[in-house]
N, C-alpha and C. Protein backbone atom coordinates (compact mmCIF):
# COMPACT_ATOMS: atom_id res chain seq x y z
N MET A 1 28.85 104.72 125.59
CA MET A 1 28.29 105.64 126.97
C MET A 1 28.89 106.14 128.10
N SER A 2 29.41 104.76 128.87
CA SER A 2 29.94 105.60 130.33
C SER A 2 31.28 106.43 130.23
N ARG A 3 31.78 106.18 128.67
CA ARG A 3 32.73 107.36 128.83
C ARG A 3 32.79 108.69 128.08
N GLU A 4 31.67 108.67 127.60
CA GLU A 4 30.94 109.81 127.62
C GLU A 4 29.88 110.94 129.23
N ARG A 5 29.64 109.90 129.85
CA ARG A 5 29.31 109.98 130.81
C ARG A 5 30.23 110.36 131.94
N LEU A 6 31.90 109.72 132.11
CA LEU A 6 32.79 110.12 132.72
C LEU A 6 33.41 111.44 132.15
N LYS A 7 33.56 112.00 130.93
CA LYS A 7 33.77 113.29 131.35
C LYS A 7 33.28 114.50 131.84
N ARG A 8 31.56 114.11 132.40
CA ARG A 8 31.11 115.36 133.15
C ARG A 8 31.63 115.13 134.36
N MET A 9 32.09 114.02 134.85
CA MET A 9 33.22 113.98 136.56
C MET A 9 34.45 114.79 136.29
N SER A 10 34.57 115.92 137.49
CA SER A 10 35.26 116.65 137.43
C SER A 10 36.91 115.84 137.62
N PRO A 11 37.51 116.53 136.96
CA PRO A 11 38.82 116.15 136.71
C PRO A 11 40.06 115.36 138.19
N GLU A 12 39.39 116.54 139.35
CA GLU A 12 39.95 115.94 140.46
C GLU A 12 39.54 114.38 141.11
N ARG A 13 38.02 114.48 141.08
CA ARG A 13 37.15 113.27 141.35
C ARG A 13 37.74 112.09 140.63
N ARG A 14 37.77 112.47 139.28
CA ARG A 14 38.54 111.20 138.32
C ARG A 14 39.42 110.65 138.33
N ASP A 15 40.66 111.49 138.88
CA ASP A 15 41.71 110.64 139.39
C ASP A 15 41.80 110.30 140.63
N LYS A 16 40.85 110.43 141.42
CA LYS A 16 41.01 110.13 142.55
C LYS A 16 40.56 108.82 142.44
N LEU A 17 39.51 108.39 141.79
CA LEU A 17 38.51 107.30 141.24
C LEU A 17 39.30 106.19 140.48
N PHE A 18 40.19 106.68 139.60
CA PHE A 18 41.22 106.18 138.94
C PHE A 18 42.40 105.80 139.73
N GLU A 19 42.60 106.84 140.40
CA GLU A 19 44.11 105.95 141.20
C GLU A 19 43.49 104.91 142.36
N SER A 20 42.54 105.04 142.79
CA SER A 20 41.73 104.19 143.83
C SER A 20 42.30 102.92 143.54
N ALA A 21 40.90 103.02 141.97
CA ALA A 21 40.68 101.62 141.44
C ALA A 21 42.24 100.88 140.58
N ALA A 22 43.37 101.82 140.71
CA ALA A 22 44.63 101.27 140.22
C ALA A 22 45.01 100.47 141.18
N GLU A 23 45.02 100.99 142.74
CA GLU A 23 45.69 100.79 143.64
C GLU A 23 44.92 99.16 144.34
N GLU A 24 43.75 99.25 144.35
CA GLU A 24 42.78 97.70 144.38
C GLU A 24 42.85 96.79 143.45
N PHE A 25 43.27 96.74 141.80
CA PHE A 25 43.64 95.88 140.90
C PHE A 25 44.89 95.50 141.42
N ALA A 26 45.51 96.63 141.43
CA ALA A 26 47.30 96.07 141.45
C ALA A 26 47.27 95.30 142.95
N ALA A 27 46.97 95.52 143.83
CA ALA A 27 46.70 94.86 145.09
C ALA A 27 46.47 93.43 145.15
N GLN A 28 44.92 93.45 144.74
CA GLN A 28 44.17 92.10 144.55
C GLN A 28 44.07 91.16 143.56
N GLY A 29 44.32 92.06 142.29
CA GLY A 29 44.16 91.02 140.99
C GLY A 29 42.57 91.69 140.49
N TYR A 30 42.29 91.35 139.32
CA TYR A 30 41.32 91.28 138.40
C TYR A 30 40.23 91.07 139.60
N GLU A 31 40.19 89.76 139.35
CA GLU A 31 38.95 88.65 140.10
C GLU A 31 38.64 89.09 141.38
N ALA A 32 39.70 89.31 142.14
CA ALA A 32 39.40 89.54 143.35
C ALA A 32 39.14 91.21 143.90
N ALA A 33 39.30 92.25 143.07
CA ALA A 33 39.37 93.31 143.54
C ALA A 33 37.84 93.75 143.29
N SER A 34 37.63 94.70 145.11
CA SER A 34 36.02 94.65 145.23
C SER A 34 35.70 96.11 144.67
N LEU A 35 34.50 96.02 144.66
CA LEU A 35 34.03 97.42 143.71
C LEU A 35 33.86 98.67 145.29
N ASN A 36 33.49 97.20 146.12
CA ASN A 36 33.16 98.05 147.63
C ASN A 36 34.49 98.80 148.00
N ARG A 37 35.49 98.32 148.02
CA ARG A 37 37.13 99.02 148.87
C ARG A 37 37.18 99.90 147.40
N ILE A 38 36.91 99.74 146.84
CA ILE A 38 37.50 100.94 145.31
C ILE A 38 36.83 102.71 145.67
N ILE A 39 35.30 102.22 145.93
CA ILE A 39 34.24 103.20 146.43
C ILE A 39 34.72 103.77 147.15
N GLU A 40 35.02 102.96 148.25
CA GLU A 40 35.48 103.46 150.01
C GLU A 40 36.30 104.76 150.18
N ARG A 41 37.35 103.86 148.91
CA ARG A 41 38.71 104.75 148.68
C ARG A 41 38.32 106.28 147.91
N ALA A 42 37.84 105.70 146.87
CA ALA A 42 37.22 106.98 146.36
C ALA A 42 36.53 108.41 146.99
N GLY A 43 36.08 107.56 148.40
CA GLY A 43 34.46 109.00 148.69
C GLY A 43 33.47 108.65 147.45
N ILE A 44 32.94 108.27 146.84
CA ILE A 44 31.84 108.33 146.39
C ILE A 44 30.42 106.90 146.04
N GLY A 45 29.46 106.88 146.24
CA GLY A 45 28.15 106.14 146.10
C GLY A 45 28.65 105.29 144.96
N LYS A 46 28.01 103.50 145.48
CA LYS A 46 27.62 102.92 144.86
C LYS A 46 27.14 103.50 143.42
N SER A 47 25.97 104.02 143.61
CA SER A 47 25.39 104.38 142.58
C SER A 47 25.75 105.56 141.41
N SER A 48 26.56 106.32 141.82
CA SER A 48 27.95 106.98 141.15
C SER A 48 28.56 106.14 140.35
N LEU A 49 29.28 105.20 140.96
CA LEU A 49 30.11 104.24 140.29
C LEU A 49 28.88 103.85 139.21
N TYR A 50 28.15 103.11 138.96
CA TYR A 50 27.49 103.05 137.94
C TYR A 50 26.55 103.39 137.19
N TYR A 51 26.80 105.04 137.56
CA TYR A 51 26.29 105.71 136.95
C TYR A 51 27.31 106.00 135.74
N TYR A 52 28.60 105.77 136.26
CA TYR A 52 29.79 106.10 135.01
C TYR A 52 30.19 104.72 134.32
N PHE A 53 30.09 103.66 135.19
CA PHE A 53 30.64 102.53 134.60
C PHE A 53 29.68 101.56 134.81
N GLU A 54 29.44 100.46 133.37
CA GLU A 54 28.57 99.40 133.35
C GLU A 54 28.90 98.34 134.45
N ASP A 55 30.35 98.23 134.67
CA ASP A 55 29.97 97.27 136.05
C ASP A 55 32.44 97.10 136.09
N LYS A 56 32.58 96.06 136.37
CA LYS A 56 33.70 96.21 136.97
C LYS A 56 34.75 96.03 135.66
N ARG A 57 34.48 94.98 134.56
CA ARG A 57 35.16 95.23 132.77
C ARG A 57 35.46 96.50 132.70
N ASP A 58 34.09 97.14 132.91
CA ASP A 58 34.11 98.54 132.25
C ASP A 58 34.72 99.42 133.33
N LEU A 59 35.14 99.55 134.16
CA LEU A 59 36.44 100.60 135.07
C LEU A 59 37.03 100.51 134.67
N PHE A 60 37.56 98.52 134.41
CA PHE A 60 39.24 98.16 134.23
C PHE A 60 39.47 98.85 133.07
N GLY A 61 38.50 98.62 131.88
CA GLY A 61 39.34 99.48 130.46
C GLY A 61 39.30 100.38 130.82
N GLN A 62 38.64 101.38 131.44
CA GLN A 62 38.79 102.77 131.02
C GLN A 62 40.02 103.56 132.34
N LEU A 63 40.11 102.73 133.45
CA LEU A 63 41.25 102.93 133.96
C LEU A 63 42.96 102.64 132.84
N ILE A 64 42.84 101.66 132.21
CA ILE A 64 43.48 100.98 131.32
C ILE A 64 44.03 102.34 130.32
N GLN A 65 42.87 102.81 129.74
CA GLN A 65 42.79 104.39 129.09
C GLN A 65 43.41 105.42 129.75
N ALA A 66 43.10 105.99 131.02
CA ALA A 66 43.43 106.63 131.65
C ALA A 66 44.75 106.41 131.70
N VAL A 67 45.57 105.40 132.53
CA VAL A 67 46.77 104.75 132.91
C VAL A 67 47.72 105.56 131.13
N PHE A 68 47.04 105.73 130.32
CA PHE A 68 47.84 105.85 128.55
C PHE A 68 47.60 107.13 128.56
N GLU A 69 46.61 108.12 128.52
CA GLU A 69 46.13 109.36 128.94
C GLU A 69 47.07 109.62 129.76
N HIS A 70 47.28 109.43 131.10
CA HIS A 70 47.90 109.79 132.42
C HIS A 70 49.63 110.22 131.41
N PHE A 71 49.77 109.00 130.79
CA PHE A 71 51.42 108.95 130.57
C PHE A 71 51.33 110.20 129.70
N VAL A 72 50.73 110.17 128.61
CA VAL A 72 50.95 110.87 127.42
C VAL A 72 50.94 112.41 127.90
N ARG A 73 50.25 112.94 128.73
CA ARG A 73 50.08 114.25 129.38
C ARG A 73 51.36 114.59 130.44
N ASP A 74 52.07 113.00 130.73
CA ASP A 74 53.42 113.31 131.80
C ASP A 74 54.36 113.51 130.84
N ILE A 75 54.22 113.31 129.83
CA ILE A 75 55.48 113.19 129.03
C ILE A 75 55.50 114.51 128.05
N GLY A 76 54.37 114.87 127.79
CA GLY A 76 54.37 116.08 127.35
C GLY A 76 53.64 115.98 125.38
N GLY A 77 53.00 114.63 125.73
CA GLY A 77 52.72 114.41 124.46
C GLY A 77 53.87 113.62 123.18
N PHE A 78 53.42 112.99 122.61
CA PHE A 78 54.66 112.75 121.49
C PHE A 78 53.53 112.88 120.05
N ASP A 79 53.93 113.47 119.20
CA ASP A 79 53.46 113.64 118.05
C ASP A 79 54.44 113.22 116.75
N TYR A 80 53.89 111.67 116.21
CA TYR A 80 54.80 111.17 115.28
C TYR A 80 55.12 111.81 113.75
N ARG A 81 54.33 112.75 114.07
CA ARG A 81 54.26 113.63 112.43
C ARG A 81 54.86 114.60 112.37
N THR A 82 55.86 115.03 113.15
CA THR A 82 56.85 115.81 113.69
C THR A 82 58.48 115.76 113.20
N LEU A 83 58.20 114.42 113.18
CA LEU A 83 59.59 113.28 113.42
C LEU A 83 59.91 113.79 112.05
N THR A 84 61.36 113.86 111.57
CA THR A 84 61.97 113.44 110.46
C THR A 84 63.29 112.39 110.41
N ALA A 85 63.64 112.33 109.28
CA ALA A 85 64.67 111.15 109.26
C ALA A 85 65.49 111.28 110.13
N GLU A 86 66.45 112.62 110.53
CA GLU A 86 67.10 112.31 111.40
C GLU A 86 66.78 111.96 113.03
N SER A 87 65.33 112.74 113.93
CA SER A 87 65.10 112.63 114.69
C SER A 87 64.14 111.13 114.98
N PHE A 88 63.94 110.65 113.87
CA PHE A 88 62.75 109.49 113.97
C PHE A 88 63.37 108.46 115.62
N TRP A 89 64.38 107.83 115.18
CA TRP A 89 64.73 106.76 116.01
C TRP A 89 65.18 107.68 117.37
N PRO A 90 66.01 108.47 117.58
CA PRO A 90 66.60 109.53 118.89
C PRO A 90 64.96 109.66 119.74
N GLU A 91 63.94 110.35 118.79
CA GLU A 91 62.97 110.23 119.34
C GLU A 91 62.20 109.39 120.20
N ILE A 92 62.50 108.12 119.03
CA ILE A 92 61.41 106.97 119.87
C ILE A 92 62.04 106.52 121.15
N GLU A 93 63.45 106.50 121.04
CA GLU A 93 64.48 106.07 122.15
C GLU A 93 64.40 106.75 123.35
N ALA A 94 64.30 108.03 123.08
CA ALA A 94 63.60 108.91 124.10
C ALA A 94 62.30 108.69 124.77
N LEU A 95 61.32 108.40 123.83
CA LEU A 95 59.92 108.05 124.40
C LEU A 95 59.86 106.73 125.45
N PHE A 96 60.81 106.10 125.05
CA PHE A 96 60.94 104.62 125.80
C PHE A 96 61.48 104.87 127.14
N LEU A 97 62.43 105.79 127.19
CA LEU A 97 63.13 105.93 128.31
C LEU A 97 62.10 106.96 129.44
N LYS A 98 61.64 107.81 128.79
CA LYS A 98 60.33 108.97 129.48
C LYS A 98 59.60 107.78 130.06
N GLY A 99 58.98 106.48 129.54
CA GLY A 99 58.45 105.42 130.16
C GLY A 99 58.36 105.04 131.06
N VAL A 100 60.55 104.76 130.87
CA VAL A 100 60.88 104.12 132.22
C VAL A 100 60.74 105.46 133.51
N ALA A 101 61.16 106.33 133.10
CA ALA A 101 61.10 107.37 134.46
C ALA A 101 59.71 107.38 134.75
N PHE A 102 59.02 107.77 133.97
CA PHE A 102 56.81 107.80 134.29
C PHE A 102 56.76 106.44 135.54
N SER A 103 57.14 105.09 134.84
CA SER A 103 57.16 103.86 135.73
C SER A 103 57.79 103.98 137.02
N GLU A 104 59.33 104.63 137.61
CA GLU A 104 59.63 104.80 138.41
C GLU A 104 59.30 105.77 139.40
N ARG A 105 58.51 106.63 139.08
CA ARG A 105 57.45 107.95 139.75
C ARG A 105 56.14 107.42 139.95
N ASN A 106 55.51 106.70 139.18
CA ASN A 106 54.70 106.34 139.91
C ASN A 106 54.57 103.90 139.67
N ALA A 107 54.79 103.90 140.79
CA ALA A 107 54.98 102.47 141.16
C ALA A 107 54.06 101.64 141.35
N TRP A 108 52.38 102.08 141.10
CA TRP A 108 51.21 102.04 140.81
C TRP A 108 50.78 101.10 139.27
N TYR A 109 51.28 102.21 138.47
CA TYR A 109 51.58 102.20 136.84
C TYR A 109 52.16 100.58 136.76
N VAL A 110 53.49 100.21 137.01
CA VAL A 110 53.85 99.26 136.96
C VAL A 110 53.16 97.83 137.01
N ARG A 111 52.59 97.88 137.83
CA ARG A 111 51.58 96.91 138.67
C ARG A 111 50.20 96.30 138.13
N VAL A 112 49.74 97.83 137.73
CA VAL A 112 48.64 97.83 136.53
C VAL A 112 49.37 97.27 135.75
N GLY A 113 50.37 97.57 134.79
CA GLY A 113 50.50 97.35 133.75
C GLY A 113 50.47 95.83 133.63
N GLN A 114 51.15 94.83 135.10
CA GLN A 114 51.91 93.44 134.97
C GLN A 114 49.96 92.81 134.86
N LEU A 115 49.03 93.39 135.22
CA LEU A 115 47.75 92.97 135.57
C LEU A 115 47.33 93.34 133.95
N PHE A 116 47.34 94.28 133.28
CA PHE A 116 47.26 94.15 131.69
C PHE A 116 47.50 93.56 131.09
N HIS A 117 48.81 92.64 131.30
CA HIS A 117 49.10 91.54 130.50
C HIS A 117 48.61 90.36 130.83
N ARG A 118 48.15 90.44 132.18
CA ARG A 118 47.43 89.19 132.37
C ARG A 118 46.02 88.58 131.93
N PHE A 119 45.97 90.10 132.17
CA PHE A 119 44.11 90.35 132.00
C PHE A 119 43.86 89.95 130.38
N ARG A 120 44.75 90.54 129.85
CA ARG A 120 44.81 90.41 128.24
C ARG A 120 44.56 88.91 127.33
N HIS A 121 45.85 87.92 128.33
CA HIS A 121 45.71 86.41 128.24
C HIS A 121 44.60 86.07 128.49
N HIS A 122 44.30 86.20 129.26
CA HIS A 122 42.48 85.21 130.18
C HIS A 122 41.41 85.71 128.61
N GLU A 123 41.70 87.09 128.51
CA GLU A 123 39.88 87.08 127.75
C GLU A 123 40.35 86.89 126.43
N LYS A 124 41.68 86.70 125.93
CA LYS A 124 41.44 85.88 124.85
C LYS A 124 41.36 86.97 123.48
N GLY A 125 41.67 88.07 123.34
CA GLY A 125 41.41 88.80 122.10
C GLY A 125 40.01 89.53 121.98
N ARG A 126 39.52 89.70 123.10
CA ARG A 126 38.17 90.46 123.60
C ARG A 126 38.24 91.48 125.26
N GLY A 127 37.56 92.01 125.21
CA GLY A 127 37.19 93.00 126.34
C GLY A 127 38.30 93.94 125.96
N PRO A 128 38.15 94.95 127.39
CA PRO A 128 39.09 96.29 127.44
C PRO A 128 40.37 96.53 126.71
N ALA A 129 41.26 95.22 127.26
CA ALA A 129 42.34 95.27 127.18
C ALA A 129 42.92 94.98 125.83
N ALA A 130 42.06 94.21 125.00
CA ALA A 130 41.80 93.89 123.89
C ALA A 130 41.65 95.34 122.87
N GLY A 131 40.92 96.19 123.38
CA GLY A 131 40.58 97.54 122.98
C GLY A 131 41.90 98.18 123.26
N ALA A 132 42.30 98.30 124.18
CA ALA A 132 43.69 99.28 124.50
C ALA A 132 44.79 98.74 123.10
N MET A 133 45.13 97.61 123.36
CA MET A 133 45.62 97.20 122.09
C MET A 133 45.53 97.38 121.06
N GLY A 134 44.25 97.55 120.65
CA GLY A 134 44.04 98.06 119.20
C GLY A 134 44.48 99.37 119.03
N SER A 135 44.08 99.83 119.89
CA SER A 135 44.52 101.63 119.99
C SER A 135 46.12 101.91 119.64
N VAL A 136 46.74 101.06 120.26
CA VAL A 136 47.95 101.41 120.38
C VAL A 136 48.84 100.69 119.12
N GLU A 137 48.36 99.33 118.94
CA GLU A 137 48.40 99.12 117.24
C GLU A 137 48.10 99.97 116.13
N ALA A 138 47.15 100.94 116.25
CA ALA A 138 46.65 101.98 115.24
C ALA A 138 47.85 102.70 114.75
N TRP A 139 48.20 103.32 116.48
CA TRP A 139 49.50 104.14 116.43
C TRP A 139 50.84 103.83 116.15
N VAL A 140 50.98 102.70 116.32
CA VAL A 140 51.91 101.73 115.40
C VAL A 140 52.17 101.97 114.16
N ALA A 141 51.20 101.78 113.61
CA ALA A 141 51.13 101.09 112.14
C ALA A 141 50.86 103.28 111.68
N SER A 142 50.73 103.89 112.01
CA SER A 142 50.87 105.46 111.98
C SER A 142 52.55 105.79 111.91
N LEU A 143 53.15 105.15 112.78
CA LEU A 143 54.30 105.55 113.49
C LEU A 143 55.02 105.03 112.35
N LEU A 144 54.95 103.55 111.89
CA LEU A 144 56.09 103.02 111.40
C LEU A 144 55.38 103.65 109.29
N ARG A 145 54.43 103.81 109.27
CA ARG A 145 54.81 104.42 108.07
C ARG A 145 54.79 105.68 107.46
N HIS A 146 54.80 106.32 108.64
CA HIS A 146 55.70 107.82 108.65
C HIS A 146 56.97 107.70 108.73
N GLY A 147 57.79 106.85 109.14
CA GLY A 147 58.78 106.34 109.03
C GLY A 147 59.50 105.43 107.59
N MET A 148 58.45 104.81 106.89
CA MET A 148 58.60 104.85 105.49
C MET A 148 58.68 105.91 104.90
N THR A 149 58.08 106.66 104.87
CA THR A 149 57.74 107.96 103.96
C THR A 149 59.21 108.80 103.87
N LEU A 150 59.93 108.63 105.43
CA LEU A 150 61.23 109.49 105.08
C LEU A 150 62.16 108.74 105.32
N GLY A 151 62.08 107.02 104.86
CA GLY A 151 63.18 106.23 104.72
C GLY A 151 63.40 105.60 105.51
N VAL A 152 63.32 105.99 106.80
CA VAL A 152 64.40 105.01 108.08
C VAL A 152 63.57 104.20 108.69
N VAL A 153 62.29 103.27 107.89
CA VAL A 153 61.79 102.44 107.77
C VAL A 153 61.69 101.49 107.00
N ARG A 154 61.78 100.06 106.77
CA ARG A 154 62.13 99.33 105.97
C ARG A 154 60.50 99.07 104.96
N SER A 155 60.59 99.11 103.95
CA SER A 155 59.26 99.28 102.78
C SER A 155 59.45 97.97 102.43
N ASP A 156 60.30 96.74 101.87
CA ASP A 156 60.28 95.55 101.42
C ASP A 156 59.35 94.77 101.79
N LEU A 157 58.68 94.96 102.86
CA LEU A 157 57.81 93.89 103.85
C LEU A 157 56.05 94.64 104.01
N PRO A 158 55.39 93.39 103.32
CA PRO A 158 53.86 94.04 103.60
C PRO A 158 53.91 94.69 105.29
N ASP A 159 52.89 96.05 104.51
CA ASP A 159 52.91 96.85 105.87
C ASP A 159 52.23 95.92 107.08
N GLU A 160 51.52 95.29 106.84
CA GLU A 160 50.78 94.84 108.01
C GLU A 160 51.30 93.56 108.89
N LEU A 161 52.55 92.66 107.96
CA LEU A 161 53.73 91.70 108.52
C LEU A 161 54.62 92.38 109.20
N LEU A 162 55.27 93.75 108.57
CA LEU A 162 56.07 94.69 109.89
C LEU A 162 55.34 95.50 111.09
N ILE A 163 54.12 95.35 110.75
CA ILE A 163 53.50 96.31 111.66
C ILE A 163 52.83 95.07 113.00
N GLN A 164 52.76 93.57 112.86
CA GLN A 164 52.39 92.43 113.07
C GLN A 164 53.57 91.98 113.74
N SER A 165 54.86 92.29 113.46
CA SER A 165 56.19 91.59 113.85
C SER A 165 56.58 92.45 114.62
N VAL A 166 56.28 94.29 114.96
CA VAL A 166 56.94 94.78 115.83
C VAL A 166 55.87 95.18 116.67
N MET A 167 54.64 95.01 116.89
CA MET A 167 54.08 94.77 117.88
C MET A 167 53.80 93.69 118.67
N ALA A 168 54.58 92.56 118.19
CA ALA A 168 54.91 91.17 119.22
C ALA A 168 56.18 91.36 120.13
N MET A 169 56.87 92.17 119.73
CA MET A 169 58.00 92.85 119.82
C MET A 169 58.36 93.25 121.13
N VAL A 170 57.68 94.58 120.66
CA VAL A 170 57.36 95.54 121.82
C VAL A 170 56.22 95.11 122.78
N GLU A 171 55.63 94.22 122.53
CA GLU A 171 54.34 93.66 123.48
C GLU A 171 55.42 92.76 124.40
N ALA A 172 55.92 91.89 123.62
CA ALA A 172 57.10 90.82 124.82
C ALA A 172 57.79 91.55 125.54
N CYS A 173 58.56 92.68 124.73
CA CYS A 173 59.77 93.40 125.61
C CYS A 173 58.94 94.32 126.94
N ASP A 174 57.66 94.70 126.35
CA ASP A 174 56.69 95.59 127.64
C ASP A 174 56.63 94.63 129.04
N ARG A 175 56.22 93.20 128.40
CA ARG A 175 55.67 92.68 129.26
C ARG A 175 57.08 92.03 130.26
N TYR A 176 58.15 91.23 129.66
CA TYR A 176 59.59 91.24 130.24
C TYR A 176 59.85 92.43 131.27
N PHE A 177 59.59 93.14 130.33
CA PHE A 177 60.13 94.63 131.93
C PHE A 177 59.35 94.56 132.91
N LEU A 178 57.73 94.39 132.88
CA LEU A 178 57.24 94.93 133.90
C LEU A 178 57.74 93.57 134.89
N GLU A 179 57.24 92.65 133.84
CA GLU A 179 57.53 90.99 135.03
C GLU A 179 58.73 91.40 135.88
N THR A 180 59.83 91.79 135.45
CA THR A 180 60.96 91.99 136.10
C THR A 180 61.59 93.21 136.44
N TRP A 181 61.01 94.16 136.87
CA TRP A 181 61.09 95.28 136.76
C TRP A 181 61.34 95.36 138.24
N SER A 182 61.31 94.48 139.32
CA SER A 182 62.52 95.02 140.12
C SER A 182 63.60 93.92 140.61
N GLN A 183 63.77 93.89 139.51
CA GLN A 183 65.18 93.17 139.73
C GLN A 183 66.23 93.82 138.73
N TYR A 184 65.91 94.98 138.05
CA TYR A 184 66.97 95.89 137.60
C TYR A 184 67.06 96.96 138.69
N ALA A 185 68.20 97.59 138.43
CA ALA A 185 68.72 98.98 139.03
C ALA A 185 68.24 100.03 138.26
N GLN A 186 68.08 101.02 138.52
CA GLN A 186 67.77 102.42 137.75
C GLN A 186 68.38 102.44 136.39
N ALA A 187 69.36 102.34 136.65
CA ALA A 187 70.98 102.65 135.20
C ALA A 187 70.89 101.21 134.29
N GLU A 188 70.86 99.73 135.08
CA GLU A 188 70.15 98.94 134.20
C GLU A 188 69.22 98.58 133.52
N ARG A 189 67.60 99.43 134.25
CA ARG A 189 67.14 99.35 132.81
C ARG A 189 67.05 100.28 131.92
N ARG A 190 67.99 101.44 131.94
CA ARG A 190 67.89 102.06 130.77
C ARG A 190 69.71 101.84 130.05
N VAL A 191 69.97 100.47 130.20
CA VAL A 191 70.56 99.69 129.17
C VAL A 191 69.68 98.79 128.37
N LEU A 192 68.85 98.01 129.33
CA LEU A 192 68.11 97.06 128.43
C LEU A 192 66.99 98.15 127.59
N ILE A 193 66.74 99.14 128.01
CA ILE A 193 66.00 100.01 126.84
C ILE A 193 66.64 100.28 125.26
N ALA A 194 68.41 100.22 125.84
CA ALA A 194 69.01 100.14 124.74
C ALA A 194 69.16 99.22 123.72
N GLN A 195 69.04 98.10 124.37
CA GLN A 195 69.31 96.82 124.00
C GLN A 195 67.45 96.39 123.23
N GLN A 196 66.63 96.75 123.85
CA GLN A 196 65.63 96.51 123.21
C GLN A 196 65.23 97.26 121.74
N MET A 197 66.02 98.94 121.93
CA MET A 197 65.96 99.24 121.08
C MET A 197 67.11 98.82 119.39
N ASP A 198 67.91 97.95 120.01
CA ASP A 198 68.87 97.82 119.31
C ASP A 198 67.70 96.31 118.43
N LEU A 199 66.54 95.32 119.24
CA LEU A 199 66.47 94.67 118.46
C LEU A 199 64.92 95.32 117.54
N LEU A 200 64.17 96.52 117.92
CA LEU A 200 63.70 97.06 117.11
C LEU A 200 64.06 97.80 115.99
N LYS A 201 65.37 98.26 116.00
CA LYS A 201 65.68 98.30 114.49
C LYS A 201 66.15 97.42 113.48
N ARG A 202 66.80 96.83 114.42
CA ARG A 202 67.44 95.26 113.60
C ARG A 202 65.85 94.53 112.42
N ILE A 203 64.82 94.80 113.33
CA ILE A 203 63.38 94.45 112.54
C ILE A 203 62.84 95.19 111.85
N CYS A 204 63.32 97.42 111.51
CA CYS A 204 62.55 98.20 110.82
C CYS A 204 63.59 98.57 109.94
N LEU A 205 64.97 98.69 110.40
CA LEU A 205 65.56 99.53 109.63
C LEU A 205 65.66 99.13 107.86
N PRO A 206 65.72 99.50 106.92
CA PRO A 206 65.70 98.97 105.70
C PRO A 206 67.50 98.82 105.44
N ALA A 207 67.80 97.26 104.83
CA ALA A 207 68.34 96.66 104.55
C ALA A 207 69.28 97.67 103.87
N ALA A 208 70.75 97.59 104.08
CA ALA A 208 71.23 97.84 103.50
C ALA A 208 71.59 96.73 101.92
N GLU A 209 72.28 97.79 100.91
CA GLU A 209 72.22 97.41 100.09
C GLU A 209 73.95 96.45 99.89
N PRO A 210 72.84 94.90 99.25
CA PRO A 210 73.82 94.12 99.44
C PRO A 210 75.59 94.24 98.84
N ARG A 211 76.35 93.73 99.52
CA ARG A 211 78.19 94.15 99.14
C ARG A 211 78.61 93.27 98.49
N ARG A 212 79.08 93.78 97.22
CA ARG A 212 79.62 92.53 96.58
C ARG A 212 81.20 91.98 96.69
N ASP A 213 81.04 90.78 96.72
CA ASP A 213 82.45 90.42 97.54
C ASP A 213 83.69 90.57 96.10
N ARG A 214 84.76 90.59 96.55
CA ARG A 214 86.15 90.59 96.01
C ARG A 214 86.06 90.00 94.59
N ALA A 215 85.82 88.88 94.33
CA ALA A 215 85.63 88.33 92.64
C ALA A 215 85.15 88.47 92.17
N GLU A 216 83.85 89.37 92.68
CA GLU A 216 82.57 89.77 91.92
C GLU A 216 83.10 91.29 91.07
N GLN A 217 83.64 91.57 92.20
CA GLN A 217 84.49 93.11 91.83
C GLN A 217 85.65 93.00 90.78
N SER A 218 86.17 91.97 91.13
CA SER A 218 87.08 91.81 89.80
C SER A 218 87.18 91.32 88.47
N GLU A 219 85.83 90.45 88.42
CA GLU A 219 85.63 90.02 87.25
C GLU A 219 84.69 91.25 86.18
N ASN A 220 83.92 92.28 87.32
CA ASN A 220 83.50 93.44 86.10
C ASN A 220 84.49 94.74 86.11
N GLY A 221 86.08 94.28 86.90
CA GLY A 221 87.10 95.30 86.47
C GLY A 221 87.21 96.22 87.43
N VAL A 222 86.23 96.05 88.48
CA VAL A 222 86.12 97.25 89.38
C VAL A 222 87.18 97.42 90.54
């Protein structure tokens, strides 16, 4: 219900509210974040806040969704269905690099991302952070299955095992990237992306046909 109501708010007002919430959550953490400070920054009344959000948890969940939508708008979208066998992996790496560039332009995104992972750990699979990860997992599953149809993602494992393995790796890389963000210079972040892509490919690329050794080839007269 709150999400449907939020659609009625003007985009400018909604962006101001989420920006104010992002700054507060990033600066104070989830528990210490003050709704009063958020509405003061955003210039709205408390009654308006509770019209659009059930509580602080709902606001945080909607903020996470808004950050994701902001990212998608900023990079111009990403339709995995348009990927070909030749463009599949280069386009995914380009997406990761766009994510780094987006974070460099929006420092608050890094702080909210750090908070997201801490909050998700504490909520134990329930609540807004878990809901956001569910959406990401569904998208990753569709991406991988498309890659299988193109022959650039392995299909020798059960789908769910591959999806969960990729999700675990992507989440670990994302959490590490966010937690160590300030330790890397711009060029070093791009090297790290290349290293993470190598890890992802090691999990996902179809296995090469086993090469027969020379003795076996000799026995078969090859």
